[in-house]
Amino acid sequence: MPSVFTARALLLDMDGTLVDSDAVVERCWSRWAIRQGLDPAAVLKVVHGRQGHATMAALLPHRPMAQNFAENAVMLAEETADLDGVVPVPGAPAFLASLAGRPHALVTSAGEKLALARMGAAGLPLPPVMVTAERVGASKPDPEGFLKGAAELGFAPEECLVFEDAEVGIAAARAAGMRVIGVGPRAAAFEPSAHAPSLEDVRVTAADGLLTVTVG
């Protein structure tokens, strides 16, 4: 049975939601894990959705944050330069095309340069509003990014619908008081408002300033 939602605006995560960048994430973070003497498989279970320095702090809690920020800058440069295998999530081009001229924002833990590089590599259009890592003081699961995206679009949190793939992103959406569609295989375990295996399972129509989102 399809799930149907209405909203005034959509707030979209990038990695895992619009862009499949898993190959790059796995390469870069596996190298980092090995340098730290950590198990790459264990590291890859917690990297998705967070800013890099927040991931490092979670994995190495006794390390100075200054070191995490410095290594995150290096990581961002590596990830921005490595676009091999970066592709759109199935259904993402048609999904974004259906939002043309409608209120929507990108809310990502990636920095602006990385977001531009990955959206470009995937051949996806940029939403009219972008809330990137530089524009927030706290990483997901803090709700700041989603609240900022809603405010910039001019809507209350309850008027927005979030699309996310990661546990911390779904938690951030809930903390912002927003409904959230989980996209992709990772999202199903975290009890989103509805789950879409990919964006091919999502349809958006618009009338009188209201977006109707059908999942399934």
N, C-alpha and C. Protein backbone atom coordinates (compact mmCIF):
# COMPACT_ATOMS: atom_id res chain seq x y z
N MET A 1 0.84 -1.19 0.00
CA MET A 1 0.00 0.00 0.00
C MET A 1 0.89 1.25 0.00
N PRO A 2 0.76 2.14 -0.98
CA PRO A 2 1.60 3.35 -1.00
C PRO A 2 1.33 4.25 0.20
N SER A 3 2.37 4.96 0.61
CA SER A 3 2.23 6.00 1.64
C SER A 3 2.19 7.35 0.94
N VAL A 4 1.29 8.22 1.37
CA VAL A 4 1.12 9.53 0.74
C VAL A 4 1.33 10.62 1.78
N PHE A 5 2.17 11.60 1.43
CA PHE A 5 2.47 12.72 2.31
C PHE A 5 2.22 14.02 1.55
N THR A 6 1.83 15.06 2.27
CA THR A 6 1.77 16.39 1.68
C THR A 6 2.74 17.30 2.44
N ALA A 7 3.36 18.21 1.72
CA ALA A 7 4.34 19.12 2.31
C ALA A 7 4.41 20.38 1.47
N ARG A 8 4.95 21.42 2.07
CA ARG A 8 5.18 22.67 1.33
C ARG A 8 6.58 22.72 0.73
N ALA A 9 7.51 21.95 1.33
CA ALA A 9 8.89 21.96 0.86
C ALA A 9 9.55 20.63 1.19
N LEU A 10 10.57 20.27 0.40
CA LEU A 10 11.33 19.05 0.62
C LEU A 10 12.78 19.40 0.96
N LEU A 11 13.34 18.69 1.92
CA LEU A 11 14.73 18.87 2.34
C LEU A 11 15.46 17.57 2.05
N LEU A 12 16.52 17.65 1.26
CA LEU A 12 17.16 16.46 0.70
C LEU A 12 18.59 16.31 1.16
N ASP A 13 18.90 15.18 1.76
CA ASP A 13 20.28 14.80 1.98
C ASP A 13 20.91 14.50 0.62
N MET A 14 22.25 14.43 0.56
CA MET A 14 22.91 14.15 -0.71
C MET A 14 23.44 12.72 -0.79
N ASP A 15 24.51 12.42 -0.05
CA ASP A 15 25.17 11.11 -0.18
C ASP A 15 24.24 10.00 0.29
N GLY A 16 24.01 9.03 -0.59
CA GLY A 16 23.14 7.91 -0.27
C GLY A 16 21.68 8.19 -0.54
N THR A 17 21.32 9.46 -0.71
CA THR A 17 19.94 9.84 -0.95
C THR A 17 19.74 10.26 -2.40
N LEU A 18 20.60 11.16 -2.88
CA LEU A 18 20.58 11.59 -4.28
C LEU A 18 21.76 11.02 -5.06
N VAL A 19 22.90 10.94 -4.39
CA VAL A 19 24.15 10.53 -5.03
C VAL A 19 24.68 9.27 -4.36
N ASP A 20 25.05 8.30 -5.17
CA ASP A 20 25.70 7.09 -4.67
C ASP A 20 27.21 7.34 -4.70
N SER A 21 27.76 7.65 -3.54
CA SER A 21 29.20 7.91 -3.42
C SER A 21 29.87 6.87 -2.54
N ASP A 22 29.20 5.75 -2.33
CA ASP A 22 29.73 4.75 -1.39
C ASP A 22 31.13 4.27 -1.76
N ALA A 23 31.41 4.15 -3.06
CA ALA A 23 32.73 3.65 -3.47
C ALA A 23 33.84 4.57 -2.99
N VAL A 24 33.63 5.88 -3.13
CA VAL A 24 34.63 6.85 -2.69
C VAL A 24 34.76 6.85 -1.17
N VAL A 25 33.61 6.87 -0.50
CA VAL A 25 33.61 6.87 0.97
C VAL A 25 34.38 5.66 1.49
N GLU A 26 34.12 4.51 0.90
CA GLU A 26 34.79 3.30 1.37
C GLU A 26 36.30 3.36 1.14
N ARG A 27 36.71 3.88 -0.02
CA ARG A 27 38.15 3.98 -0.30
C ARG A 27 38.83 4.92 0.69
N CYS A 28 38.29 6.13 0.82
CA CYS A 28 38.95 7.15 1.64
C CYS A 28 38.95 6.79 3.12
N TRP A 29 37.80 6.33 3.62
CA TRP A 29 37.71 6.04 5.04
C TRP A 29 38.42 4.74 5.41
N SER A 30 38.51 3.80 4.48
CA SER A 30 39.28 2.58 4.77
C SER A 30 40.76 2.91 4.93
N ARG A 31 41.27 3.79 4.07
CA ARG A 31 42.68 4.21 4.21
C ARG A 31 42.89 4.90 5.55
N TRP A 32 41.97 5.78 5.92
CA TRP A 32 42.09 6.49 7.20
C TRP A 32 42.06 5.49 8.36
N ALA A 33 41.13 4.54 8.30
CA ALA A 33 41.01 3.56 9.38
C ALA A 33 42.30 2.77 9.57
N ILE A 34 42.90 2.34 8.48
CA ILE A 34 44.14 1.57 8.56
C ILE A 34 45.25 2.40 9.19
N ARG A 35 45.32 3.68 8.81
CA ARG A 35 46.34 4.57 9.40
C ARG A 35 46.15 4.70 10.91
N GLN A 36 44.90 4.62 11.37
CA GLN A 36 44.61 4.76 12.81
C GLN A 36 44.65 3.43 13.55
N GLY A 37 44.89 2.34 12.83
CA GLY A 37 44.87 1.03 13.46
C GLY A 37 43.46 0.54 13.78
N LEU A 38 42.48 1.03 13.04
CA LEU A 38 41.09 0.64 13.25
C LEU A 38 40.63 -0.32 12.16
N ASP A 39 39.60 -1.07 12.46
CA ASP A 39 39.03 -2.00 11.50
C ASP A 39 38.19 -1.23 10.48
N PRO A 40 38.56 -1.25 9.20
CA PRO A 40 37.80 -0.48 8.21
C PRO A 40 36.31 -0.83 8.18
N ALA A 41 35.97 -2.10 8.32
CA ALA A 41 34.56 -2.50 8.28
C ALA A 41 33.78 -1.85 9.42
N ALA A 42 34.39 -1.78 10.60
CA ALA A 42 33.71 -1.15 11.73
C ALA A 42 33.57 0.35 11.52
N VAL A 43 34.59 0.98 10.95
CA VAL A 43 34.55 2.42 10.68
C VAL A 43 33.44 2.74 9.68
N LEU A 44 33.32 1.92 8.64
CA LEU A 44 32.34 2.20 7.59
C LEU A 44 30.90 2.08 8.09
N LYS A 45 30.71 1.42 9.22
CA LYS A 45 29.36 1.32 9.78
C LYS A 45 28.89 2.63 10.40
N VAL A 46 29.82 3.55 10.69
CA VAL A 46 29.42 4.77 11.42
C VAL A 46 29.70 6.06 10.66
N VAL A 47 30.30 5.97 9.45
CA VAL A 47 30.69 7.21 8.78
C VAL A 47 29.53 7.93 8.10
N HIS A 48 28.49 7.19 7.71
CA HIS A 48 27.48 7.78 6.84
C HIS A 48 26.65 8.85 7.56
N GLY A 49 26.54 10.00 6.90
CA GLY A 49 25.65 11.05 7.37
C GLY A 49 26.28 12.12 8.23
N ARG A 50 27.41 11.82 8.85
CA ARG A 50 28.06 12.78 9.73
C ARG A 50 29.12 13.59 8.98
N GLN A 51 29.44 14.76 9.53
CA GLN A 51 30.66 15.43 9.09
C GLN A 51 31.85 14.60 9.54
N GLY A 52 32.93 14.65 8.74
CA GLY A 52 34.07 13.80 9.01
C GLY A 52 34.67 13.97 10.39
N HIS A 53 34.78 15.21 10.85
CA HIS A 53 35.39 15.42 12.18
C HIS A 53 34.54 14.83 13.28
N ALA A 54 33.21 14.80 13.08
CA ALA A 54 32.32 14.20 14.07
C ALA A 54 32.48 12.68 14.08
N THR A 55 32.67 12.09 12.92
CA THR A 55 32.94 10.66 12.85
C THR A 55 34.25 10.32 13.57
N MET A 56 35.28 11.12 13.30
CA MET A 56 36.56 10.87 13.95
C MET A 56 36.44 10.99 15.46
N ALA A 57 35.69 11.97 15.93
CA ALA A 57 35.52 12.15 17.37
C ALA A 57 34.78 10.97 18.00
N ALA A 58 33.81 10.42 17.26
CA ALA A 58 33.07 9.26 17.78
C ALA A 58 33.96 8.03 17.85
N LEU A 59 34.86 7.88 16.88
CA LEU A 59 35.72 6.70 16.83
C LEU A 59 36.95 6.81 17.72
N LEU A 60 37.45 8.04 17.89
CA LEU A 60 38.65 8.27 18.70
C LEU A 60 38.34 9.37 19.72
N PRO A 61 37.51 9.05 20.72
CA PRO A 61 36.97 10.07 21.62
C PRO A 61 38.00 10.81 22.47
N HIS A 62 39.18 10.25 22.63
CA HIS A 62 40.17 10.90 23.50
C HIS A 62 41.15 11.78 22.71
N ARG A 63 40.95 11.86 21.41
CA ARG A 63 41.88 12.62 20.58
C ARG A 63 41.47 14.09 20.53
N PRO A 64 42.42 15.03 20.50
CA PRO A 64 42.07 16.45 20.44
C PRO A 64 41.24 16.77 19.19
N MET A 65 40.20 17.61 19.35
CA MET A 65 39.35 17.96 18.22
C MET A 65 40.13 18.70 17.14
N ALA A 66 41.18 19.43 17.54
CA ALA A 66 41.98 20.14 16.54
C ALA A 66 42.57 19.17 15.53
N GLN A 67 42.96 18.00 16.00
CA GLN A 67 43.52 16.98 15.10
C GLN A 67 42.42 16.44 14.18
N ASN A 68 41.23 16.28 14.73
CA ASN A 68 40.11 15.80 13.90
C ASN A 68 39.76 16.81 12.80
N PHE A 69 39.73 18.08 13.14
CA PHE A 69 39.44 19.10 12.14
C PHE A 69 40.51 19.13 11.05
N ALA A 70 41.77 18.99 11.46
CA ALA A 70 42.87 19.00 10.49
C ALA A 70 42.79 17.80 9.56
N GLU A 71 42.55 16.62 10.11
CA GLU A 71 42.46 15.42 9.27
C GLU A 71 41.20 15.44 8.41
N ASN A 72 40.13 16.05 8.92
CA ASN A 72 38.91 16.15 8.12
C ASN A 72 39.14 17.03 6.89
N ALA A 73 39.94 18.08 7.03
CA ALA A 73 40.24 18.93 5.88
C ALA A 73 40.97 18.13 4.81
N VAL A 74 41.90 17.28 5.23
CA VAL A 74 42.62 16.42 4.29
C VAL A 74 41.64 15.43 3.64
N MET A 75 40.77 14.85 4.46
CA MET A 75 39.79 13.89 3.96
C MET A 75 38.87 14.53 2.92
N LEU A 76 38.40 15.74 3.19
CA LEU A 76 37.52 16.43 2.25
C LEU A 76 38.21 16.67 0.91
N ALA A 77 39.49 17.03 0.96
CA ALA A 77 40.24 17.24 -0.28
C ALA A 77 40.37 15.93 -1.05
N GLU A 78 40.64 14.83 -0.35
CA GLU A 78 40.75 13.52 -1.00
C GLU A 78 39.42 13.14 -1.64
N GLU A 79 38.33 13.33 -0.91
CA GLU A 79 37.01 12.93 -1.40
C GLU A 79 36.58 13.80 -2.58
N THR A 80 36.92 15.07 -2.53
CA THR A 80 36.55 15.98 -3.62
C THR A 80 37.29 15.63 -4.91
N ALA A 81 38.53 15.17 -4.76
CA ALA A 81 39.35 14.83 -5.94
C ALA A 81 38.99 13.45 -6.51
N ASP A 82 38.38 12.59 -5.71
CA ASP A 82 38.09 11.22 -6.12
C ASP A 82 36.60 11.11 -6.46
N LEU A 83 36.29 11.16 -7.74
CA LEU A 83 34.89 11.07 -8.19
C LEU A 83 34.62 9.77 -8.95
N ASP A 84 35.57 8.85 -8.90
CA ASP A 84 35.42 7.58 -9.60
C ASP A 84 34.29 6.78 -8.96
N GLY A 85 33.27 6.45 -9.75
CA GLY A 85 32.15 5.66 -9.24
C GLY A 85 31.03 6.48 -8.64
N VAL A 86 31.13 7.81 -8.67
CA VAL A 86 30.06 8.67 -8.15
C VAL A 86 28.95 8.74 -9.21
N VAL A 87 27.78 8.23 -8.86
CA VAL A 87 26.66 8.16 -9.80
C VAL A 87 25.37 8.57 -9.08
N PRO A 88 24.33 8.91 -9.83
CA PRO A 88 23.07 9.23 -9.16
C PRO A 88 22.43 7.97 -8.57
N VAL A 89 21.75 8.13 -7.46
CA VAL A 89 20.91 7.05 -6.94
C VAL A 89 19.82 6.77 -7.97
N PRO A 90 19.44 5.52 -8.21
CA PRO A 90 18.37 5.24 -9.18
C PRO A 90 17.13 6.09 -8.92
N GLY A 91 16.68 6.76 -9.96
CA GLY A 91 15.50 7.61 -9.85
C GLY A 91 15.77 9.05 -9.50
N ALA A 92 17.02 9.38 -9.11
CA ALA A 92 17.32 10.75 -8.67
C ALA A 92 17.12 11.79 -9.77
N PRO A 93 17.56 11.54 -11.03
CA PRO A 93 17.35 12.58 -12.05
C PRO A 93 15.88 12.93 -12.26
N ALA A 94 15.02 11.92 -12.36
CA ALA A 94 13.59 12.19 -12.56
C ALA A 94 12.97 12.83 -11.33
N PHE A 95 13.41 12.40 -10.15
CA PHE A 95 12.90 12.96 -8.90
C PHE A 95 13.21 14.45 -8.83
N LEU A 96 14.45 14.83 -9.08
CA LEU A 96 14.82 16.24 -9.02
C LEU A 96 14.14 17.04 -10.14
N ALA A 97 13.97 16.43 -11.30
CA ALA A 97 13.27 17.11 -12.39
C ALA A 97 11.84 17.45 -11.98
N SER A 98 11.22 16.57 -11.20
CA SER A 98 9.84 16.81 -10.75
C SER A 98 9.75 17.94 -9.73
N LEU A 99 10.91 18.32 -9.16
CA LEU A 99 10.94 19.40 -8.16
C LEU A 99 11.32 20.75 -8.76
N ALA A 100 11.59 20.80 -10.04
CA ALA A 100 12.00 22.06 -10.67
C ALA A 100 10.94 23.13 -10.43
N GLY A 101 11.40 24.27 -9.89
CA GLY A 101 10.49 25.37 -9.61
C GLY A 101 9.70 25.20 -8.32
N ARG A 102 9.93 24.11 -7.60
CA ARG A 102 9.24 23.86 -6.32
C ARG A 102 10.22 24.06 -5.17
N PRO A 103 9.73 24.39 -3.99
CA PRO A 103 10.64 24.64 -2.87
C PRO A 103 11.35 23.37 -2.40
N HIS A 104 12.66 23.36 -2.54
CA HIS A 104 13.44 22.24 -2.03
C HIS A 104 14.86 22.71 -1.75
N ALA A 105 15.52 22.02 -0.83
CA ALA A 105 16.87 22.40 -0.42
C ALA A 105 17.72 21.15 -0.23
N LEU A 106 19.02 21.31 -0.47
CA LEU A 106 20.00 20.27 -0.16
C LEU A 106 20.52 20.54 1.25
N VAL A 107 20.45 19.54 2.12
CA VAL A 107 20.98 19.66 3.48
C VAL A 107 21.95 18.51 3.68
N THR A 108 23.24 18.81 3.56
CA THR A 108 24.25 17.76 3.53
C THR A 108 25.36 18.01 4.53
N SER A 109 25.95 16.92 5.02
CA SER A 109 27.12 17.02 5.89
C SER A 109 28.40 17.25 5.10
N ALA A 110 28.30 17.20 3.78
CA ALA A 110 29.46 17.49 2.94
C ALA A 110 29.74 18.98 2.91
N GLY A 111 31.02 19.34 2.69
CA GLY A 111 31.36 20.74 2.45
C GLY A 111 30.86 21.17 1.08
N GLU A 112 30.85 22.49 0.85
CA GLU A 112 30.29 23.00 -0.40
C GLU A 112 31.05 22.49 -1.62
N LYS A 113 32.39 22.50 -1.57
CA LYS A 113 33.17 22.03 -2.73
C LYS A 113 32.87 20.57 -3.03
N LEU A 114 32.77 19.75 -1.98
CA LEU A 114 32.49 18.34 -2.17
C LEU A 114 31.08 18.14 -2.72
N ALA A 115 30.12 18.91 -2.20
CA ALA A 115 28.74 18.79 -2.68
C ALA A 115 28.64 19.16 -4.15
N LEU A 116 29.30 20.25 -4.53
CA LEU A 116 29.27 20.67 -5.94
C LEU A 116 29.93 19.63 -6.83
N ALA A 117 31.05 19.06 -6.36
CA ALA A 117 31.76 18.07 -7.15
C ALA A 117 30.92 16.81 -7.35
N ARG A 118 30.30 16.33 -6.28
CA ARG A 118 29.54 15.08 -6.39
C ARG A 118 28.24 15.27 -7.16
N MET A 119 27.53 16.36 -6.93
CA MET A 119 26.30 16.61 -7.69
C MET A 119 26.64 16.75 -9.18
N GLY A 120 27.77 17.40 -9.47
CA GLY A 120 28.20 17.55 -10.86
C GLY A 120 28.58 16.23 -11.48
N ALA A 121 29.33 15.42 -10.74
CA ALA A 121 29.75 14.11 -11.26
C ALA A 121 28.55 13.21 -11.53
N ALA A 122 27.51 13.36 -10.72
CA ALA A 122 26.30 12.55 -10.89
C ALA A 122 25.36 13.15 -11.93
N GLY A 123 25.69 14.36 -12.42
CA GLY A 123 24.85 14.99 -13.43
C GLY A 123 23.52 15.47 -12.90
N LEU A 124 23.48 15.88 -11.64
CA LEU A 124 22.23 16.29 -11.01
C LEU A 124 22.17 17.80 -10.85
N PRO A 125 20.99 18.40 -11.03
CA PRO A 125 20.85 19.84 -10.85
C PRO A 125 20.90 20.23 -9.37
N LEU A 126 21.44 21.40 -9.10
CA LEU A 126 21.54 21.87 -7.71
C LEU A 126 20.22 22.47 -7.26
N PRO A 127 19.75 22.10 -6.08
CA PRO A 127 18.56 22.76 -5.53
C PRO A 127 18.82 24.25 -5.32
N PRO A 128 17.75 25.04 -5.22
CA PRO A 128 17.91 26.49 -5.08
C PRO A 128 18.54 26.92 -3.76
N VAL A 129 18.45 26.08 -2.74
CA VAL A 129 19.06 26.36 -1.43
C VAL A 129 19.95 25.19 -1.07
N MET A 130 21.18 25.52 -0.59
CA MET A 130 22.12 24.48 -0.16
C MET A 130 22.63 24.80 1.24
N VAL A 131 22.42 23.87 2.16
CA VAL A 131 22.97 23.99 3.51
C VAL A 131 24.06 22.93 3.63
N THR A 132 25.31 23.39 3.56
CA THR A 132 26.47 22.50 3.59
C THR A 132 27.16 22.58 4.95
N ALA A 133 28.23 21.80 5.10
CA ALA A 133 28.89 21.70 6.40
C ALA A 133 29.35 23.04 6.94
N GLU A 134 29.79 23.94 6.04
CA GLU A 134 30.31 25.23 6.50
C GLU A 134 29.23 26.11 7.13
N ARG A 135 27.98 25.80 6.85
CA ARG A 135 26.89 26.70 7.23
C ARG A 135 26.20 26.30 8.53
N VAL A 136 26.71 25.26 9.21
CA VAL A 136 26.12 24.85 10.47
C VAL A 136 27.20 24.74 11.53
N GLY A 137 26.77 24.87 12.78
CA GLY A 137 27.71 24.74 13.88
C GLY A 137 27.80 23.35 14.44
N ALA A 138 26.83 22.49 14.08
CA ALA A 138 26.80 21.12 14.61
C ALA A 138 26.38 20.16 13.52
N SER A 139 27.02 19.01 13.49
CA SER A 139 26.73 17.98 12.49
C SER A 139 25.45 17.22 12.84
N LYS A 140 24.82 16.61 11.84
CA LYS A 140 23.77 15.65 12.13
C LYS A 140 24.34 14.60 13.09
N PRO A 141 23.60 14.15 14.10
CA PRO A 141 22.15 14.19 14.28
C PRO A 141 21.58 15.47 14.87
N ASP A 142 22.37 16.52 15.02
CA ASP A 142 21.81 17.81 15.42
C ASP A 142 20.87 18.30 14.32
N PRO A 143 19.72 18.87 14.67
CA PRO A 143 18.73 19.29 13.66
C PRO A 143 19.03 20.61 12.98
N GLU A 144 20.14 21.26 13.33
CA GLU A 144 20.40 22.62 12.85
C GLU A 144 20.28 22.75 11.33
N GLY A 145 20.89 21.82 10.59
CA GLY A 145 20.88 21.92 9.13
C GLY A 145 19.48 21.90 8.56
N PHE A 146 18.65 20.99 9.03
CA PHE A 146 17.29 20.91 8.51
C PHE A 146 16.47 22.13 8.92
N LEU A 147 16.65 22.61 10.12
CA LEU A 147 15.93 23.82 10.56
C LEU A 147 16.36 25.03 9.73
N LYS A 148 17.64 25.10 9.41
CA LYS A 148 18.14 26.21 8.59
C LYS A 148 17.58 26.11 7.17
N GLY A 149 17.55 24.91 6.61
CA GLY A 149 16.99 24.73 5.28
C GLY A 149 15.54 25.14 5.21
N ALA A 150 14.76 24.74 6.20
CA ALA A 150 13.35 25.11 6.24
C ALA A 150 13.18 26.62 6.33
N ALA A 151 13.97 27.25 7.21
CA ALA A 151 13.87 28.69 7.41
C ALA A 151 14.23 29.45 6.13
N GLU A 152 15.27 28.99 5.42
CA GLU A 152 15.68 29.69 4.21
C GLU A 152 14.64 29.55 3.09
N LEU A 153 13.92 28.45 3.11
CA LEU A 153 12.84 28.28 2.13
C LEU A 153 11.57 29.02 2.56
N GLY A 154 11.52 29.39 3.84
CA GLY A 154 10.38 30.16 4.33
C GLY A 154 9.24 29.33 4.86
N PHE A 155 9.55 28.13 5.37
CA PHE A 155 8.49 27.25 5.85
C PHE A 155 8.79 26.77 7.26
N ALA A 156 7.72 26.43 7.99
CA ALA A 156 7.85 25.87 9.33
C ALA A 156 8.32 24.42 9.22
N PRO A 157 8.98 23.91 10.26
CA PRO A 157 9.47 22.53 10.21
C PRO A 157 8.39 21.51 9.85
N GLU A 158 7.21 21.68 10.43
CA GLU A 158 6.15 20.70 10.18
C GLU A 158 5.62 20.74 8.76
N GLU A 159 5.96 21.78 8.00
CA GLU A 159 5.54 21.87 6.60
C GLU A 159 6.54 21.21 5.65
N CYS A 160 7.64 20.70 6.21
CA CYS A 160 8.71 20.14 5.38
C CYS A 160 8.75 18.61 5.49
N LEU A 161 9.22 17.99 4.43
CA LEU A 161 9.42 16.54 4.39
C LEU A 161 10.88 16.29 4.02
N VAL A 162 11.54 15.46 4.81
CA VAL A 162 12.97 15.19 4.64
C VAL A 162 13.17 13.86 3.90
N PHE A 163 14.22 13.81 3.07
CA PHE A 163 14.65 12.56 2.44
C PHE A 163 16.06 12.27 2.93
N GLU A 164 16.26 11.10 3.53
CA GLU A 164 17.53 10.74 4.17
C GLU A 164 17.81 9.25 4.03
N ASP A 165 19.09 8.89 4.10
CA ASP A 165 19.47 7.48 4.05
C ASP A 165 20.13 7.00 5.33
N ALA A 166 20.65 7.90 6.15
CA ALA A 166 21.53 7.51 7.26
C ALA A 166 20.83 7.66 8.61
N GLU A 167 21.29 6.87 9.57
CA GLU A 167 20.70 6.89 10.91
C GLU A 167 20.76 8.29 11.52
N VAL A 168 21.93 8.95 11.43
CA VAL A 168 22.06 10.26 12.06
C VAL A 168 21.19 11.30 11.35
N GLY A 169 21.01 11.15 10.04
CA GLY A 169 20.17 12.08 9.31
C GLY A 169 18.70 11.93 9.65
N ILE A 170 18.26 10.68 9.77
CA ILE A 170 16.87 10.43 10.17
C ILE A 170 16.63 10.96 11.57
N ALA A 171 17.60 10.76 12.45
CA ALA A 171 17.48 11.29 13.81
C ALA A 171 17.43 12.82 13.81
N ALA A 172 18.24 13.45 12.96
CA ALA A 172 18.24 14.92 12.86
C ALA A 172 16.89 15.44 12.38
N ALA A 173 16.31 14.76 11.39
CA ALA A 173 15.00 15.18 10.89
C ALA A 173 13.94 15.09 11.98
N ARG A 174 13.97 13.99 12.72
CA ARG A 174 13.00 13.84 13.81
C ARG A 174 13.19 14.92 14.87
N ALA A 175 14.45 15.19 15.20
CA ALA A 175 14.74 16.21 16.20
C ALA A 175 14.27 17.60 15.75
N ALA A 176 14.21 17.80 14.42
CA ALA A 176 13.73 19.07 13.87
C ALA A 176 12.20 19.13 13.83
N GLY A 177 11.55 18.03 14.20
CA GLY A 177 10.09 17.99 14.16
C GLY A 177 9.53 17.75 12.77
N MET A 178 10.31 17.04 11.94
CA MET A 178 9.92 16.82 10.55
C MET A 178 9.67 15.34 10.28
N ARG A 179 8.80 15.08 9.34
CA ARG A 179 8.61 13.71 8.84
C ARG A 179 9.77 13.39 7.90
N VAL A 180 10.08 12.10 7.78
CA VAL A 180 11.28 11.75 7.00
C VAL A 180 11.04 10.48 6.20
N ILE A 181 11.37 10.55 4.90
CA ILE A 181 11.34 9.38 4.04
C ILE A 181 12.74 8.79 4.02
N GLY A 182 12.86 7.52 4.40
CA GLY A 182 14.14 6.84 4.34
C GLY A 182 14.36 6.29 2.94
N VAL A 183 15.54 6.56 2.38
CA VAL A 183 15.85 6.15 1.01
C VAL A 183 17.00 5.14 1.03
N GLY A 184 16.81 4.02 0.34
CA GLY A 184 17.89 3.06 0.19
C GLY A 184 17.96 2.03 1.29
N PRO A 185 18.86 1.06 1.15
CA PRO A 185 18.90 -0.08 2.07
C PRO A 185 19.28 0.27 3.50
N ARG A 186 20.11 1.29 3.70
CA ARG A 186 20.52 1.65 5.06
C ARG A 186 19.36 2.16 5.90
N ALA A 187 18.44 2.87 5.25
CA ALA A 187 17.44 3.64 5.98
C ALA A 187 16.36 2.80 6.63
N ALA A 188 16.10 1.62 6.10
CA ALA A 188 14.94 0.84 6.55
C ALA A 188 15.00 0.51 8.04
N ALA A 189 16.19 0.34 8.58
CA ALA A 189 16.34 -0.09 9.97
C ALA A 189 16.06 1.01 10.99
N PHE A 190 15.94 2.26 10.51
CA PHE A 190 15.90 3.38 11.46
C PHE A 190 14.52 4.02 11.59
N GLU A 191 13.50 3.28 11.19
CA GLU A 191 12.10 3.65 11.40
C GLU A 191 11.76 5.04 10.88
N PRO A 192 12.02 5.29 9.60
CA PRO A 192 11.55 6.55 9.03
C PRO A 192 10.03 6.54 8.91
N SER A 193 9.46 7.68 8.55
CA SER A 193 8.00 7.77 8.40
C SER A 193 7.51 6.84 7.29
N ALA A 194 8.33 6.67 6.26
CA ALA A 194 8.10 5.70 5.20
C ALA A 194 9.46 5.36 4.60
N HIS A 195 9.53 4.21 3.91
CA HIS A 195 10.80 3.78 3.33
C HIS A 195 10.66 3.56 1.84
N ALA A 196 11.61 4.10 1.07
CA ALA A 196 11.67 3.90 -0.37
C ALA A 196 12.98 3.17 -0.70
N PRO A 197 12.94 1.98 -1.29
CA PRO A 197 14.17 1.30 -1.65
C PRO A 197 15.08 2.15 -2.53
N SER A 198 14.50 2.98 -3.40
CA SER A 198 15.25 3.99 -4.15
C SER A 198 14.28 5.10 -4.53
N LEU A 199 14.81 6.15 -5.15
CA LEU A 199 13.94 7.25 -5.56
C LEU A 199 13.05 6.87 -6.74
N GLU A 200 13.29 5.71 -7.34
CA GLU A 200 12.37 5.21 -8.36
C GLU A 200 11.00 4.89 -7.76
N ASP A 201 10.95 4.73 -6.45
CA ASP A 201 9.71 4.40 -5.75
C ASP A 201 8.98 5.63 -5.22
N VAL A 202 9.44 6.81 -5.62
CA VAL A 202 8.86 8.07 -5.12
C VAL A 202 8.31 8.88 -6.29
N ARG A 203 7.11 9.41 -6.10
CA ARG A 203 6.50 10.30 -7.10
C ARG A 203 6.07 11.58 -6.42
N VAL A 204 6.31 12.70 -7.09
CA VAL A 204 5.95 14.01 -6.54
C VAL A 204 5.06 14.74 -7.53
N THR A 205 3.93 15.23 -7.06
CA THR A 205 3.07 16.10 -7.86
C THR A 205 2.82 17.37 -7.06
N ALA A 206 2.46 18.43 -7.77
CA ALA A 206 2.28 19.73 -7.11
C ALA A 206 1.00 20.39 -7.60
N ALA A 207 0.31 21.03 -6.65
CA ALA A 207 -0.89 21.80 -6.99
C ALA A 207 -1.15 22.79 -5.87
N ASP A 208 -1.41 24.05 -6.25
CA ASP A 208 -1.77 25.10 -5.28
C ASP A 208 -0.76 25.23 -4.15
N GLY A 209 0.53 25.13 -4.49
CA GLY A 209 1.57 25.32 -3.50
C GLY A 209 1.78 24.14 -2.57
N LEU A 210 1.14 23.03 -2.85
CA LEU A 210 1.26 21.84 -2.01
C LEU A 210 1.90 20.72 -2.81
N LEU A 211 2.91 20.08 -2.22
CA LEU A 211 3.55 18.92 -2.83
C LEU A 211 2.94 17.64 -2.28
N THR A 212 2.55 16.77 -3.16
CA THR A 212 2.05 15.45 -2.75
C THR A 212 3.11 14.42 -3.13
N VAL A 213 3.59 13.72 -2.11
CA VAL A 213 4.67 12.74 -2.28
C VAL A 213 4.09 11.35 -2.02
N THR A 214 4.20 10.51 -3.04
CA THR A 214 3.72 9.12 -2.93
C THR A 214 4.92 8.18 -2.90
N VAL A 215 4.98 7.34 -1.89
CA VAL A 215 6.09 6.40 -1.71
C VAL A 215 5.54 4.98 -1.85
N GLY A 216 6.09 4.24 -2.82
CA GLY A 216 5.65 2.87 -3.01
C GLY A 216 4.70 2.71 -4.17
